[in-house]
Amino acid sequence: MDILTTIIVVVHVAVSLALVVLILLHAGRGGGMSDLFGGGMGPAAMSGSTIVERNLDRLTVVTAVTFAVTTMLLSWLLGS
């Protein structure tokens, strides 16, 4: 059971760092990922979120769910 805990801790740390980076990539009140790659110019800026921003949202949600699952697994494994 010690190996399983170690693997989950490593995954948890990696997911935590990825979640911080993904959240920092999100747009604030203006700008964000789309402006970083030049997507903030032209007609795409007026139509709402771009494909990059939607994919960033999806990736952030998947990472957050993975973070929650690893947190629950660690509390279950280390709680007993």
Protein backbone atom coordinates (compact mmCIF):
# COMPACT_ATOMS: atom_id res chain seq x y z
CA MET A 1 0.00 0.00 0.00
CA ASP A 2 3.03 2.27 0.45
CA ILE A 3 3.84 2.22 -3.29
CA LEU A 4 0.25 3.16 -4.14
CA THR A 5 0.37 6.13 -1.78
CA THR A 6 3.66 7.29 -3.28
CA ILE A 7 2.27 7.10 -6.82
CA ILE A 8 -0.85 9.04 -5.86
CA VAL A 9 1.23 11.72 -4.10
CA VAL A 10 3.41 12.16 -7.20
CA VAL A 11 0.32 12.43 -9.42
CA HIS A 12 -1.27 14.84 -6.94
CA VAL A 13 1.76 17.16 -6.95
CA ALA A 14 1.96 17.12 -10.76
CA VAL A 15 -1.76 17.85 -11.08
CA SER A 16 -1.49 20.64 -8.50
CA LEU A 17 1.25 22.38 -10.47
CA ALA A 18 -0.64 21.90 -13.74
CA LEU A 19 -3.78 23.37 -12.18
CA VAL A 20 -1.91 26.48 -11.02
CA VAL A 21 -0.45 26.99 -14.50
CA LEU A 22 -3.81 26.45 -16.22
CA ILE A 23 -5.58 28.90 -13.92
CA LEU A 24 -2.91 31.52 -14.54
CA LEU A 25 -3.37 31.10 -18.30
CA HIS A 26 -7.03 32.08 -18.09
CA ALA A 27 -8.10 35.54 -19.13
CA GLY A 28 -8.79 38.11 -16.50
CA ARG A 29 -10.89 41.09 -17.41
CA GLY A 30 -9.23 41.24 -20.81
CA GLY A 31 -6.51 39.47 -22.67
CA GLY A 32 -5.62 35.95 -21.73
CA MET A 33 -4.63 33.02 -23.84
CA SER A 34 -6.24 34.28 -27.03
CA ASP A 35 -4.33 37.56 -26.93
CA LEU A 36 -1.10 35.72 -26.24
CA PHE A 37 -1.31 34.03 -29.65
CA GLY A 38 -2.77 37.00 -31.51
CA GLY A 39 -6.35 35.77 -31.35
CA GLY A 40 -7.58 38.96 -29.76
CA MET A 41 -7.57 40.81 -33.06
CA GLY A 42 -10.16 40.67 -35.76
CA PRO A 43 -13.70 39.32 -35.85
CA ALA A 44 -12.97 36.41 -33.50
CA ALA A 45 -12.58 38.88 -30.63
CA MET A 46 -16.18 39.99 -31.00
CA SER A 47 -17.73 36.52 -31.10
CA GLY A 48 -17.02 35.50 -27.51
CA SER A 49 -14.66 32.75 -26.46
CA THR A 50 -12.31 31.23 -28.98
CA ILE A 51 -11.52 27.57 -29.49
CA VAL A 52 -8.30 27.94 -27.51
CA GLU A 53 -10.16 29.39 -24.53
CA ARG A 54 -12.84 26.70 -24.64
CA ASN A 55 -10.20 23.97 -24.77
CA LEU A 56 -8.36 25.66 -21.90
CA ASP A 57 -11.59 25.65 -19.91
CA ARG A 58 -12.13 21.95 -20.58
CA LEU A 59 -8.55 21.08 -19.67
CA THR A 60 -8.82 23.08 -16.45
CA VAL A 61 -12.02 21.28 -15.46
CA VAL A 62 -10.48 17.86 -16.13
CA THR A 63 -7.40 18.82 -14.11
CA ALA A 64 -9.54 20.13 -11.24
CA VAL A 65 -11.58 16.91 -11.14
CA THR A 66 -8.36 14.87 -11.14
CA PHE A 67 -7.06 17.02 -8.28
CA ALA A 68 -10.26 16.40 -6.30
CA VAL A 69 -10.10 12.65 -6.91
CA THR A 70 -6.46 12.39 -5.85
CA THR A 71 -7.22 14.47 -2.75
CA MET A 72 -10.02 12.11 -1.75
CA LEU A 73 -7.89 9.05 -2.48
CA LEU A 74 -5.05 10.39 -0.34
CA SER A 75 -7.36 11.21 2.55
CA TRP A 76 -8.85 7.73 2.33
CA LEU A 77 -5.46 5.98 2.13
CA LEU A 78 -3.78 8.06 4.82
CA GLY A 79 -6.79 8.27 7.10
CA SER A 80 -6.77 4.59 7.99
